[in-house]
Structure formats: C-alpha cells, structure tokens
Amino acid sequence: MKRRFLLGGMGAGAAIMGGTALLGPDLVAPAMAQDNPGREIPEMTLGAEDAPVEFIEYASFTCPHCARFHEEVYPQLKADYIDQGTVRFIYREVYFDRFGLWATMVARCAGPERFFGVTDLIYANQREWTQGDAATVAENLRRIGRTAGLSDAELESCLTDGEFAQALVDRYEAHLEEHEVPGTPTFIINGVMHGNMPYSDMQVLLDGLIAEA
C-alpha cells in the first residue's frame, strides 16, 4: 500500500506537512487526490555509464549510519573508483520521516549538477539541522540550501510543491518494490544486496568485480 504525504500548514513560509506523524516504520498522512505519473524524478548518478560496476546506495538523510558512510567511506569510493571510471554510483533516497523527504527536496532543488554537493552539506550538518521542531528543521534546511547557492524563491517553490513531494514518495515506493532494503545504508552492487561494511571489505568486493569484468 502506498504512503501518502500532505503538505500543508505553510505558516511563516515553513515547509510543514500539517497533521503528519511517524508511527513505527510507516509514514502516515492524509491521502492526496491522485498520483503524479507524469512527474519524472531523475536518477542521481556519478561516474562512467559504461563502468563495470553499478553501485546503488539506498540511504536516508536522517540516518546517522548514512552520514558516517558519506563522511568516511564515500570520499574514498569516489576517488578510487567513481572518478576512475570503474564504478557507476546511483544514489536513491529512503524516507523514514518527513524531515528526510524535505532534505531530498532541498538537495534536488539544486539540480543534478549540484545535487551531490548539497548532499555532502546535508550529511555533514546532520546533527545540527535535524534538531528542533518542524519549523526549525525546515529553516535549517533552507539555510543549507542558501549555502549551496539556492535563492529563497527557489527553496520556497521546491518545499511547497506537493506534487513534487508525492512524486518523490511514489518513486521511493517503486524502488522498494524492486529492492526490499532492510535498512540504511544498503548497497546493491551489480545486482547483489549488501549491508554497510568497512571500506577495506568494499575494496576487496569491488576489485574482484572489476577483475571479472
């Protein structure tokens, strides 16, 4: 069954989804009127399209383990494999809560060229921007967006776009039908699911796949 988000209660310009709550693992909110089949949400990718290894990361912007991966492991992965043309990296968002969805909306508001730069800022400042009530979190995310060069008008347009939010959730659910990820971060490496791992173990895995290609 699909989860539904409702953006409402935009008082003082805050991107607040009125009346929503997090109950257990599910995001619960009143249903929106309809799906948005025409709203395309592009994959966010890095690396050569013909790389021998496809590396999909499922991650949540509010997940501390994901923040640690992006601070400690991802820079090495990028330098050693993505930038060398041996790994095609695909980032897919998982939503455990509305704050994670809002963070995605800010990151994607910057466009594909700046997405990963904004992602770095969101993870690096995770402990700070996730603190406080909904209005405070929304303003914290706006501040990150401004740091990345987004204008207030751009941020407001993205954060108040209900169809955009629902399209993101629909895309997330379609990905979960493809890969039933048990938690975050989860990696799909050449079609095989892996949990979080030390970089040394990841190197062994990737080097083996590259050698086999």
N, C-alpha and C. Protein backbone atom coordinates (compact mmCIF):
# COMPACT_ATOMS: atom_id res chain seq x y z
N MET A 1 0.84 -1.20 0.00
CA MET A 1 0.00 0.00 0.00
C MET A 1 0.88 1.24 0.00
N LYS A 2 0.55 2.22 -0.82
CA LYS A 2 1.37 3.41 -0.93
C LYS A 2 1.12 4.35 0.24
N ARG A 3 2.22 5.00 0.66
CA ARG A 3 2.12 6.02 1.70
C ARG A 3 1.80 7.34 1.04
N ARG A 4 1.09 8.19 1.75
CA ARG A 4 0.72 9.48 1.18
C ARG A 4 1.17 10.60 2.09
N PHE A 5 1.73 11.65 1.50
CA PHE A 5 2.13 12.84 2.21
C PHE A 5 1.17 13.97 1.88
N LEU A 6 0.93 14.81 2.84
CA LEU A 6 0.14 16.01 2.60
C LEU A 6 0.96 17.20 3.07
N LEU A 7 1.29 18.11 2.16
CA LEU A 7 1.95 19.34 2.55
C LEU A 7 0.88 20.36 2.88
N GLY A 8 0.97 20.88 4.07
CA GLY A 8 0.02 21.89 4.48
C GLY A 8 0.60 22.70 5.62
N GLY A 9 -0.16 23.67 6.13
CA GLY A 9 0.28 24.45 7.26
C GLY A 9 1.57 25.21 6.99
N MET A 10 1.65 25.93 5.86
CA MET A 10 2.87 26.60 5.48
C MET A 10 3.05 27.94 6.17
N GLY A 11 2.62 28.07 7.40
CA GLY A 11 2.73 29.32 8.11
C GLY A 11 4.14 29.83 8.17
N ALA A 12 4.34 31.12 7.99
CA ALA A 12 5.63 31.79 8.04
C ALA A 12 6.62 31.21 7.03
N GLY A 13 6.05 30.62 5.97
CA GLY A 13 6.90 30.09 4.92
C GLY A 13 7.57 28.78 5.26
N ALA A 14 7.23 28.16 6.39
CA ALA A 14 7.87 26.91 6.77
C ALA A 14 7.28 25.76 5.98
N ALA A 15 8.13 24.84 5.55
CA ALA A 15 7.67 23.68 4.79
C ALA A 15 7.21 22.62 5.77
N ILE A 16 6.01 22.77 6.30
CA ILE A 16 5.49 21.88 7.33
C ILE A 16 4.38 21.04 6.75
N MET A 17 4.48 19.74 6.89
CA MET A 17 3.43 18.84 6.43
C MET A 17 2.43 18.69 7.55
N GLY A 18 1.41 19.48 7.53
CA GLY A 18 0.47 19.53 8.63
C GLY A 18 -0.21 18.21 8.90
N GLY A 19 -0.29 17.85 10.18
CA GLY A 19 -1.04 16.69 10.58
C GLY A 19 -0.37 15.36 10.34
N THR A 20 0.89 15.36 9.90
CA THR A 20 1.56 14.09 9.66
C THR A 20 2.22 13.59 10.93
N ALA A 21 2.48 12.31 10.98
CA ALA A 21 3.13 11.72 12.14
C ALA A 21 3.92 10.52 11.69
N LEU A 22 4.85 10.10 12.51
CA LEU A 22 5.61 8.89 12.23
C LEU A 22 5.17 7.83 13.21
N LEU A 23 4.58 6.77 12.71
CA LEU A 23 4.12 5.68 13.55
C LEU A 23 4.87 4.42 13.16
N GLY A 24 5.74 3.95 14.03
CA GLY A 24 6.54 2.79 13.70
C GLY A 24 7.36 3.07 12.46
N PRO A 25 7.45 2.10 11.53
CA PRO A 25 8.26 2.30 10.33
C PRO A 25 7.54 3.04 9.23
N ASP A 26 6.26 3.34 9.43
CA ASP A 26 5.47 3.90 8.32
C ASP A 26 5.27 5.39 8.46
N LEU A 27 5.26 6.06 7.33
CA LEU A 27 4.94 7.47 7.26
C LEU A 27 3.45 7.59 7.01
N VAL A 28 2.74 8.23 7.93
CA VAL A 28 1.29 8.26 7.86
C VAL A 28 0.82 9.69 7.66
N ALA A 29 -0.03 9.88 6.64
CA ALA A 29 -0.57 11.20 6.37
C ALA A 29 -1.83 11.05 5.56
N PRO A 30 -2.72 12.08 5.56
CA PRO A 30 -3.93 12.01 4.75
C PRO A 30 -3.58 11.83 3.28
N ALA A 31 -4.41 11.12 2.55
CA ALA A 31 -4.15 10.83 1.15
C ALA A 31 -4.29 12.06 0.29
N MET A 32 -3.41 12.17 -0.69
CA MET A 32 -3.55 13.21 -1.70
C MET A 32 -4.53 12.71 -2.75
N ALA A 33 -4.96 13.61 -3.59
CA ALA A 33 -6.06 13.27 -4.50
C ALA A 33 -5.68 12.19 -5.51
N GLN A 34 -4.42 12.25 -6.05
CA GLN A 34 -4.09 11.31 -7.10
C GLN A 34 -2.58 11.19 -7.23
N ASP A 35 -2.15 10.17 -7.96
CA ASP A 35 -0.73 10.00 -8.23
C ASP A 35 -0.28 11.03 -9.25
N ASN A 36 1.04 11.05 -9.49
CA ASN A 36 1.60 12.00 -10.45
C ASN A 36 2.43 11.24 -11.47
N PRO A 37 1.78 10.45 -12.32
CA PRO A 37 2.54 9.61 -13.25
C PRO A 37 3.37 10.40 -14.24
N GLY A 38 3.03 11.67 -14.48
CA GLY A 38 3.77 12.46 -15.44
C GLY A 38 4.97 13.18 -14.86
N ARG A 39 5.15 13.16 -13.57
CA ARG A 39 6.24 13.88 -12.92
C ARG A 39 7.47 12.97 -12.84
N GLU A 40 8.47 13.24 -13.64
CA GLU A 40 9.66 12.40 -13.67
C GLU A 40 10.64 12.84 -12.59
N ILE A 41 11.17 11.87 -11.87
CA ILE A 41 12.19 12.12 -10.87
C ILE A 41 13.46 11.44 -11.37
N PRO A 42 14.47 12.21 -11.77
CA PRO A 42 15.66 11.59 -12.38
C PRO A 42 16.52 10.86 -11.36
N GLU A 43 17.23 9.83 -11.84
CA GLU A 43 18.25 9.18 -11.03
C GLU A 43 19.39 10.17 -10.81
N MET A 44 19.96 10.14 -9.61
CA MET A 44 21.14 10.95 -9.34
C MET A 44 22.35 10.04 -9.40
N THR A 45 23.21 10.28 -10.38
CA THR A 45 24.31 9.36 -10.66
C THR A 45 25.63 10.09 -10.79
N LEU A 46 26.69 9.34 -10.57
CA LEU A 46 28.05 9.80 -10.80
C LEU A 46 28.83 8.67 -11.46
N GLY A 47 29.81 9.02 -12.27
CA GLY A 47 30.68 8.01 -12.85
C GLY A 47 30.31 7.65 -14.27
N ALA A 48 31.17 6.85 -14.88
CA ALA A 48 31.01 6.47 -16.28
C ALA A 48 29.81 5.55 -16.47
N GLU A 49 29.03 5.81 -17.50
CA GLU A 49 27.86 4.98 -17.78
C GLU A 49 28.24 3.54 -18.12
N ASP A 50 29.42 3.36 -18.68
CA ASP A 50 29.85 2.01 -19.06
C ASP A 50 30.79 1.39 -18.03
N ALA A 51 30.77 1.88 -16.80
CA ALA A 51 31.62 1.32 -15.75
C ALA A 51 31.27 -0.15 -15.52
N PRO A 52 32.25 -0.98 -15.20
CA PRO A 52 31.96 -2.41 -14.99
C PRO A 52 31.16 -2.71 -13.74
N VAL A 53 31.10 -1.76 -12.81
CA VAL A 53 30.36 -1.98 -11.57
C VAL A 53 29.29 -0.92 -11.41
N GLU A 54 28.07 -1.38 -11.17
CA GLU A 54 26.97 -0.47 -10.82
C GLU A 54 26.76 -0.55 -9.32
N PHE A 55 26.84 0.58 -8.67
CA PHE A 55 26.77 0.66 -7.20
C PHE A 55 25.59 1.55 -6.83
N ILE A 56 24.51 0.96 -6.35
CA ILE A 56 23.33 1.72 -5.91
C ILE A 56 23.38 1.83 -4.40
N GLU A 57 23.27 3.04 -3.90
CA GLU A 57 23.16 3.25 -2.45
C GLU A 57 21.74 3.67 -2.11
N TYR A 58 21.10 2.94 -1.20
CA TYR A 58 19.84 3.37 -0.60
C TYR A 58 20.16 4.01 0.74
N ALA A 59 19.77 5.26 0.91
CA ALA A 59 20.15 6.00 2.11
C ALA A 59 19.08 6.99 2.52
N SER A 60 19.09 7.32 3.80
CA SER A 60 18.19 8.34 4.35
C SER A 60 19.02 9.50 4.86
N PHE A 61 18.59 10.71 4.57
CA PHE A 61 19.31 11.90 5.03
C PHE A 61 19.28 12.05 6.55
N THR A 62 18.38 11.35 7.22
CA THR A 62 18.31 11.43 8.68
C THR A 62 18.94 10.22 9.36
N CYS A 63 19.59 9.36 8.61
CA CYS A 63 20.22 8.15 9.14
C CYS A 63 21.66 8.44 9.54
N PRO A 64 22.01 8.29 10.84
CA PRO A 64 23.39 8.55 11.27
C PRO A 64 24.42 7.64 10.60
N HIS A 65 24.06 6.38 10.36
CA HIS A 65 24.99 5.47 9.70
C HIS A 65 25.27 5.93 8.26
N CYS A 66 24.25 6.48 7.61
CA CYS A 66 24.44 7.02 6.25
C CYS A 66 25.36 8.23 6.28
N ALA A 67 25.17 9.10 7.28
CA ALA A 67 26.04 10.26 7.41
C ALA A 67 27.49 9.83 7.60
N ARG A 68 27.70 8.79 8.41
CA ARG A 68 29.06 8.30 8.64
C ARG A 68 29.65 7.73 7.34
N PHE A 69 28.83 7.00 6.60
CA PHE A 69 29.31 6.47 5.32
C PHE A 69 29.73 7.60 4.39
N HIS A 70 28.92 8.65 4.32
CA HIS A 70 29.22 9.75 3.40
C HIS A 70 30.39 10.60 3.87
N GLU A 71 30.66 10.61 5.14
CA GLU A 71 31.78 11.37 5.65
C GLU A 71 33.09 10.59 5.57
N GLU A 72 33.03 9.26 5.77
CA GLU A 72 34.25 8.48 5.92
C GLU A 72 34.56 7.57 4.73
N VAL A 73 33.54 6.95 4.14
CA VAL A 73 33.77 5.95 3.10
C VAL A 73 33.54 6.51 1.70
N TYR A 74 32.46 7.22 1.52
CA TYR A 74 32.11 7.72 0.19
C TYR A 74 33.23 8.53 -0.48
N PRO A 75 33.93 9.44 0.23
CA PRO A 75 35.02 10.17 -0.45
C PRO A 75 36.10 9.25 -1.01
N GLN A 76 36.41 8.16 -0.29
CA GLN A 76 37.40 7.20 -0.80
C GLN A 76 36.84 6.43 -1.99
N LEU A 77 35.58 6.02 -1.89
CA LEU A 77 34.93 5.33 -3.00
C LEU A 77 34.93 6.20 -4.26
N LYS A 78 34.65 7.46 -4.08
CA LYS A 78 34.60 8.37 -5.23
C LYS A 78 35.99 8.53 -5.85
N ALA A 79 36.99 8.76 -5.01
CA ALA A 79 38.34 8.99 -5.53
C ALA A 79 38.93 7.74 -6.18
N ASP A 80 38.72 6.59 -5.55
CA ASP A 80 39.37 5.36 -6.01
C ASP A 80 38.64 4.65 -7.14
N TYR A 81 37.32 4.85 -7.23
CA TYR A 81 36.56 4.06 -8.20
C TYR A 81 35.66 4.91 -9.11
N ILE A 82 34.83 5.76 -8.52
CA ILE A 82 33.88 6.54 -9.33
C ILE A 82 34.63 7.45 -10.29
N ASP A 83 35.60 8.21 -9.75
CA ASP A 83 36.35 9.15 -10.59
C ASP A 83 37.29 8.44 -11.57
N GLN A 84 37.57 7.18 -11.31
CA GLN A 84 38.45 6.41 -12.19
C GLN A 84 37.69 5.69 -13.29
N GLY A 85 36.36 5.81 -13.28
CA GLY A 85 35.55 5.21 -14.33
C GLY A 85 35.22 3.75 -14.15
N THR A 86 35.48 3.19 -12.96
CA THR A 86 35.22 1.77 -12.73
C THR A 86 33.93 1.50 -11.97
N VAL A 87 33.35 2.53 -11.37
CA VAL A 87 32.08 2.38 -10.64
C VAL A 87 31.10 3.45 -11.10
N ARG A 88 29.90 3.02 -11.43
CA ARG A 88 28.78 3.92 -11.70
C ARG A 88 27.95 3.98 -10.43
N PHE A 89 27.91 5.16 -9.79
CA PHE A 89 27.26 5.33 -8.50
C PHE A 89 25.86 5.93 -8.68
N ILE A 90 24.89 5.30 -8.04
CA ILE A 90 23.49 5.75 -8.11
C ILE A 90 23.00 5.94 -6.68
N TYR A 91 22.50 7.13 -6.39
CA TYR A 91 22.01 7.44 -5.04
C TYR A 91 20.48 7.44 -5.05
N ARG A 92 19.89 6.63 -4.16
CA ARG A 92 18.43 6.56 -4.05
C ARG A 92 18.00 6.83 -2.60
N GLU A 93 17.08 7.77 -2.44
CA GLU A 93 16.65 8.20 -1.13
C GLU A 93 15.62 7.25 -0.52
N VAL A 94 15.74 7.06 0.78
CA VAL A 94 14.78 6.31 1.58
C VAL A 94 14.19 7.29 2.59
N TYR A 95 12.87 7.21 2.80
CA TYR A 95 12.21 8.15 3.71
C TYR A 95 11.69 7.44 4.95
N PHE A 96 12.34 7.67 6.08
CA PHE A 96 11.85 7.17 7.36
C PHE A 96 10.97 8.21 8.04
N ASP A 97 11.06 9.45 7.61
CA ASP A 97 10.34 10.55 8.27
C ASP A 97 10.21 11.72 7.30
N ARG A 98 9.40 12.67 7.65
CA ARG A 98 9.18 13.81 6.76
C ARG A 98 10.42 14.68 6.61
N PHE A 99 11.28 14.73 7.64
CA PHE A 99 12.48 15.56 7.55
C PHE A 99 13.41 15.03 6.45
N GLY A 100 13.49 13.72 6.33
CA GLY A 100 14.30 13.15 5.26
C GLY A 100 13.76 13.50 3.89
N LEU A 101 12.44 13.54 3.76
CA LEU A 101 11.83 13.95 2.49
C LEU A 101 12.14 15.41 2.19
N TRP A 102 12.03 16.27 3.20
CA TRP A 102 12.32 17.69 2.98
C TRP A 102 13.77 17.89 2.55
N ALA A 103 14.69 17.13 3.17
CA ALA A 103 16.10 17.25 2.81
C ALA A 103 16.30 16.87 1.34
N THR A 104 15.61 15.83 0.90
CA THR A 104 15.68 15.45 -0.51
C THR A 104 15.17 16.57 -1.40
N MET A 105 14.08 17.20 -1.00
CA MET A 105 13.51 18.27 -1.81
C MET A 105 14.49 19.43 -1.95
N VAL A 106 15.23 19.74 -0.89
CA VAL A 106 16.24 20.80 -0.96
C VAL A 106 17.39 20.38 -1.86
N ALA A 107 17.88 19.15 -1.67
CA ALA A 107 19.01 18.68 -2.47
C ALA A 107 18.65 18.64 -3.96
N ARG A 108 17.47 18.14 -4.27
CA ARG A 108 17.07 18.04 -5.67
C ARG A 108 16.69 19.39 -6.26
N CYS A 109 16.34 20.33 -5.42
CA CYS A 109 16.04 21.68 -5.89
C CYS A 109 17.27 22.30 -6.56
N ALA A 110 18.45 21.86 -6.13
CA ALA A 110 19.69 22.41 -6.69
C ALA A 110 20.00 21.87 -8.07
N GLY A 111 19.28 20.83 -8.50
CA GLY A 111 19.51 20.25 -9.82
C GLY A 111 20.59 19.18 -9.79
N PRO A 112 20.67 18.36 -10.84
CA PRO A 112 21.63 17.25 -10.88
C PRO A 112 23.08 17.68 -10.72
N GLU A 113 23.44 18.85 -11.25
CA GLU A 113 24.83 19.28 -11.20
C GLU A 113 25.28 19.59 -9.78
N ARG A 114 24.38 20.09 -8.95
CA ARG A 114 24.76 20.46 -7.58
C ARG A 114 24.23 19.50 -6.53
N PHE A 115 23.50 18.46 -6.96
CA PHE A 115 22.85 17.56 -6.01
C PHE A 115 23.83 16.95 -5.02
N PHE A 116 24.93 16.40 -5.50
CA PHE A 116 25.84 15.71 -4.60
C PHE A 116 26.59 16.69 -3.69
N GLY A 117 26.79 17.90 -4.14
CA GLY A 117 27.38 18.91 -3.27
C GLY A 117 26.45 19.26 -2.12
N VAL A 118 25.16 19.40 -2.41
CA VAL A 118 24.18 19.69 -1.35
C VAL A 118 24.05 18.47 -0.43
N THR A 119 24.09 17.28 -1.02
CA THR A 119 24.04 16.06 -0.22
C THR A 119 25.17 16.03 0.81
N ASP A 120 26.37 16.41 0.38
CA ASP A 120 27.51 16.46 1.30
C ASP A 120 27.24 17.41 2.46
N LEU A 121 26.66 18.57 2.16
CA LEU A 121 26.36 19.55 3.21
C LEU A 121 25.30 19.01 4.17
N ILE A 122 24.29 18.35 3.64
CA ILE A 122 23.20 17.82 4.48
C ILE A 122 23.74 16.76 5.43
N TYR A 123 24.57 15.87 4.94
CA TYR A 123 25.13 14.83 5.81
C TYR A 123 26.13 15.40 6.80
N ALA A 124 26.97 16.32 6.35
CA ALA A 124 27.98 16.90 7.24
C ALA A 124 27.36 17.65 8.41
N ASN A 125 26.17 18.21 8.19
CA ASN A 125 25.50 19.00 9.22
C ASN A 125 24.28 18.29 9.81
N GLN A 126 24.22 16.98 9.67
CA GLN A 126 23.03 16.23 10.08
C GLN A 126 22.67 16.44 11.55
N ARG A 127 23.65 16.42 12.43
CA ARG A 127 23.38 16.57 13.86
C ARG A 127 22.75 17.92 14.19
N GLU A 128 23.08 18.94 13.39
CA GLU A 128 22.56 20.28 13.66
C GLU A 128 21.18 20.51 13.05
N TRP A 129 21.03 20.18 11.76
CA TRP A 129 19.78 20.58 11.10
C TRP A 129 18.59 19.74 11.53
N THR A 130 18.81 18.55 12.08
CA THR A 130 17.69 17.69 12.50
C THR A 130 17.15 18.04 13.88
N GLN A 131 17.74 19.01 14.55
CA GLN A 131 17.30 19.36 15.90
C GLN A 131 16.18 20.40 15.86
N GLY A 132 15.22 20.28 16.80
CA GLY A 132 14.16 21.27 16.92
C GLY A 132 12.84 20.80 16.35
N ASP A 133 11.87 21.70 16.38
CA ASP A 133 10.55 21.37 15.85
C ASP A 133 10.56 21.46 14.33
N ALA A 134 9.41 21.18 13.72
CA ALA A 134 9.34 21.10 12.27
C ALA A 134 9.74 22.41 11.60
N ALA A 135 9.25 23.54 12.14
CA ALA A 135 9.58 24.83 11.54
C ALA A 135 11.07 25.11 11.62
N THR A 136 11.69 24.73 12.73
CA THR A 136 13.13 24.93 12.89
C THR A 136 13.90 24.08 11.91
N VAL A 137 13.51 22.81 11.76
CA VAL A 137 14.19 21.92 10.82
C VAL A 137 14.06 22.46 9.39
N ALA A 138 12.87 22.93 9.03
CA ALA A 138 12.67 23.48 7.70
C ALA A 138 13.59 24.68 7.46
N GLU A 139 13.72 25.55 8.45
CA GLU A 139 14.60 26.71 8.31
C GLU A 139 16.06 26.28 8.26
N ASN A 140 16.42 25.27 9.04
CA ASN A 140 17.79 24.75 8.98
C ASN A 140 18.12 24.23 7.59
N LEU A 141 17.17 23.54 6.96
CA LEU A 141 17.39 23.04 5.61
C LEU A 141 17.46 24.18 4.61
N ARG A 142 16.65 25.20 4.81
CA ARG A 142 16.74 26.38 3.94
C ARG A 142 18.13 27.00 4.03
N ARG A 143 18.67 27.05 5.24
CA ARG A 143 19.99 27.64 5.43
C ARG A 143 21.04 26.85 4.64
N ILE A 144 20.92 25.53 4.66
CA ILE A 144 21.84 24.71 3.87
C ILE A 144 21.66 24.99 2.39
N GLY A 145 20.41 25.12 1.96
CA GLY A 145 20.15 25.43 0.56
C GLY A 145 20.75 26.76 0.14
N ARG A 146 20.66 27.76 1.02
CA ARG A 146 21.24 29.06 0.70
C ARG A 146 22.76 28.95 0.60
N THR A 147 23.35 28.16 1.50
CA THR A 147 24.80 27.95 1.44
C THR A 147 25.21 27.36 0.10
N ALA A 148 24.34 26.52 -0.46
CA ALA A 148 24.62 25.89 -1.76
C ALA A 148 24.29 26.79 -2.93
N GLY A 149 23.81 28.00 -2.66
CA GLY A 149 23.55 28.96 -3.73
C GLY A 149 22.11 29.07 -4.18
N LEU A 150 21.20 28.39 -3.48
CA LEU A 150 19.79 28.49 -3.84
C LEU A 150 19.18 29.76 -3.26
N SER A 151 18.28 30.36 -4.01
CA SER A 151 17.61 31.57 -3.54
C SER A 151 16.41 31.20 -2.66
N ASP A 152 15.93 32.16 -1.90
CA ASP A 152 14.73 31.92 -1.08
C ASP A 152 13.55 31.54 -1.96
N ALA A 153 13.44 32.17 -3.12
CA ALA A 153 12.32 31.87 -4.02
C ALA A 153 12.41 30.44 -4.53
N GLU A 154 13.61 30.00 -4.89
CA GLU A 154 13.79 28.62 -5.36
C GLU A 154 13.45 27.62 -4.26
N LEU A 155 13.92 27.89 -3.06
CA LEU A 155 13.66 26.98 -1.94
C LEU A 155 12.18 26.92 -1.62
N GLU A 156 11.52 28.08 -1.63
CA GLU A 156 10.09 28.09 -1.32
C GLU A 156 9.30 27.32 -2.37
N SER A 157 9.68 27.50 -3.63
CA SER A 157 8.99 26.80 -4.70
C SER A 157 9.13 25.29 -4.55
N CYS A 158 10.31 24.82 -4.20
CA CYS A 158 10.53 23.38 -4.05
C CYS A 158 9.84 22.83 -2.82
N LEU A 159 9.98 23.52 -1.70
CA LEU A 159 9.48 22.98 -0.43
C LEU A 159 7.97 23.05 -0.29
N THR A 160 7.32 23.83 -1.12
CA THR A 160 5.86 23.91 -1.06
C THR A 160 5.18 23.19 -2.22
N ASP A 161 5.96 22.40 -2.96
CA ASP A 161 5.44 21.71 -4.13
C ASP A 161 4.94 20.32 -3.72
N GLY A 162 3.64 20.21 -3.48
CA GLY A 162 3.05 18.96 -3.04
C GLY A 162 3.17 17.85 -4.07
N GLU A 163 3.03 18.17 -5.34
CA GLU A 163 3.16 17.16 -6.39
C GLU A 163 4.58 16.62 -6.45
N PHE A 164 5.55 17.49 -6.24
CA PHE A 164 6.95 17.08 -6.20
C PHE A 164 7.18 16.10 -5.05
N ALA A 165 6.65 16.44 -3.87
CA ALA A 165 6.80 15.56 -2.71
C ALA A 165 6.17 14.20 -2.96
N GLN A 166 4.96 14.19 -3.52
CA GLN A 166 4.29 12.91 -3.76
C GLN A 166 5.01 12.09 -4.82
N ALA A 167 5.54 12.76 -5.84
CA ALA A 167 6.29 12.04 -6.87
C ALA A 167 7.54 11.40 -6.29
N LEU A 168 8.19 12.09 -5.35
CA LEU A 168 9.36 11.52 -4.68
C LEU A 168 8.98 10.28 -3.88
N VAL A 169 7.86 10.34 -3.17
CA VAL A 169 7.41 9.19 -2.39
C VAL A 169 7.03 8.03 -3.30
N ASP A 170 6.34 8.33 -4.40
CA ASP A 170 5.96 7.26 -5.34
C ASP A 170 7.20 6.59 -5.91
N ARG A 171 8.22 7.38 -6.23
CA ARG A 171 9.46 6.82 -6.77
C ARG A 171 10.15 5.95 -5.72
N TYR A 172 10.17 6.41 -4.50
CA TYR A 172 10.75 5.64 -3.39
C TYR A 172 10.06 4.29 -3.25
N GLU A 173 8.75 4.29 -3.32
CA GLU A 173 7.99 3.05 -3.17
C GLU A 173 8.23 2.11 -4.35
N ALA A 174 8.40 2.66 -5.55
CA ALA A 174 8.71 1.83 -6.71
C ALA A 174 10.08 1.17 -6.54
N HIS A 175 11.02 1.89 -5.98
CA HIS A 175 12.34 1.32 -5.73
C HIS A 175 12.27 0.21 -4.68
N LEU A 176 11.42 0.38 -3.67
CA LEU A 176 11.29 -0.65 -2.65
C LEU A 176 10.65 -1.92 -3.20
N GLU A 177 9.83 -1.77 -4.23
CA GLU A 177 9.29 -2.96 -4.88
C GLU A 177 10.38 -3.69 -5.66
N GLU A 178 11.35 -2.94 -6.15
CA GLU A 178 12.48 -3.53 -6.88
C GLU A 178 13.48 -4.16 -5.92
N HIS A 179 13.79 -3.45 -4.84
CA HIS A 179 14.75 -3.92 -3.84
C HIS A 179 14.15 -3.73 -2.45
N GLU A 180 13.86 -4.80 -1.76
CA GLU A 180 13.30 -4.71 -0.42
C GLU A 180 14.42 -4.48 0.59
N VAL A 181 14.87 -3.24 0.66
CA VAL A 181 16.01 -2.92 1.51
C VAL A 181 15.60 -3.02 2.98
N PRO A 182 16.42 -3.68 3.82
CA PRO A 182 16.07 -3.87 5.22
C PRO A 182 16.41 -2.68 6.10
N GLY A 183 17.27 -1.80 5.64
CA GLY A 183 17.68 -0.65 6.43
C GLY A 183 18.64 0.19 5.61
N THR A 184 19.18 1.22 6.24
CA THR A 184 20.10 2.10 5.51
C THR A 184 21.38 2.28 6.30
N PRO A 185 22.52 2.43 5.57
CA PRO A 185 22.60 2.32 4.11
C PRO A 185 22.58 0.87 3.65
N THR A 186 21.98 0.66 2.49
CA THR A 186 22.02 -0.63 1.81
C THR A 186 22.59 -0.40 0.43
N PHE A 187 23.44 -1.32 -0.01
CA PHE A 187 24.10 -1.20 -1.31
C PHE A 187 23.68 -2.35 -2.23
N ILE A 188 23.34 -2.01 -3.46
CA ILE A 188 23.08 -3.01 -4.49
C ILE A 188 24.25 -2.90 -5.47
N ILE A 189 25.14 -3.87 -5.41
CA ILE A 189 26.37 -3.81 -6.20
C ILE A 189 26.32 -4.90 -7.26
N ASN A 190 26.21 -4.46 -8.50
CA ASN A 190 25.99 -5.37 -9.64
C ASN A 190 24.86 -6.35 -9.35
N GLY A 191 23.77 -5.80 -8.81
CA GLY A 191 22.56 -6.57 -8.62
C GLY A 191 22.48 -7.36 -7.33
N VAL A 192 23.53 -7.35 -6.52
CA VAL A 192 23.55 -8.11 -5.27
C VAL A 192 23.48 -7.16 -4.09
N MET A 193 22.61 -7.47 -3.13
CA MET A 193 22.40 -6.60 -1.97
C MET A 193 23.48 -6.84 -0.92
N HIS A 194 23.99 -5.71 -0.38
CA HIS A 194 24.99 -5.76 0.69
C HIS A 194 24.62 -4.74 1.76
N GLY A 195 24.95 -5.06 2.99
CA GLY A 195 24.79 -4.11 4.08
C GLY A 195 26.02 -3.22 4.20
N ASN A 196 26.00 -2.34 5.19
CA ASN A 196 27.13 -1.46 5.44
C ASN A 196 28.37 -2.30 5.75
N MET A 197 29.53 -1.81 5.35
CA MET A 197 30.76 -2.59 5.53
C MET A 197 31.94 -1.65 5.62
N PRO A 198 33.05 -2.08 6.21
CA PRO A 198 34.27 -1.28 6.20
C PRO A 198 34.76 -1.05 4.79
N TYR A 199 35.47 0.03 4.58
CA TYR A 199 35.95 0.33 3.22
C TYR A 199 36.90 -0.74 2.72
N SER A 200 37.69 -1.33 3.60
CA SER A 200 38.62 -2.39 3.17
C SER A 200 37.87 -3.57 2.57
N ASP A 201 36.73 -3.94 3.18
CA ASP A 201 35.92 -5.04 2.63
C ASP A 201 35.29 -4.63 1.30
N MET A 202 34.89 -3.37 1.21
CA MET A 202 34.30 -2.88 -0.03
C MET A 202 35.32 -2.90 -1.16
N GLN A 203 36.55 -2.56 -0.85
CA GLN A 203 37.60 -2.59 -1.86
C GLN A 203 37.81 -4.00 -2.41
N VAL A 204 37.84 -4.97 -1.52
CA VAL A 204 38.02 -6.35 -1.96
C VAL A 204 36.89 -6.77 -2.90
N LEU A 205 35.67 -6.41 -2.51
CA LEU A 205 34.50 -6.75 -3.33
C LEU A 205 34.57 -6.07 -4.69
N LEU A 206 34.82 -4.77 -4.70
CA LEU A 206 34.84 -4.02 -5.96
C LEU A 206 35.99 -4.46 -6.85
N ASP A 207 37.16 -4.66 -6.27
CA ASP A 207 38.31 -5.07 -7.07
C ASP A 207 38.05 -6.44 -7.75
N GLY A 208 37.37 -7.31 -7.00
CA GLY A 208 37.04 -8.62 -7.58
C GLY A 208 36.08 -8.51 -8.74
N LEU A 209 35.08 -7.65 -8.61
CA LEU A 209 34.11 -7.47 -9.69
C LEU A 209 34.75 -6.80 -10.91
N ILE A 210 35.63 -5.86 -10.66
CA ILE A 210 36.30 -5.18 -11.77
C ILE A 210 37.21 -6.17 -12.51
N ALA A 211 37.89 -7.03 -11.76
CA ALA A 211 38.78 -8.01 -12.38
C ALA A 211 38.02 -9.02 -13.23
N GLU A 212 36.79 -9.30 -12.83
CA GLU A 212 35.97 -10.28 -13.55
C GLU A 212 35.35 -9.68 -14.82
N ALA A 213 35.28 -8.37 -14.88
CA ALA A 213 34.57 -7.70 -16.00
C ALA A 213 35.29 -7.88 -17.33
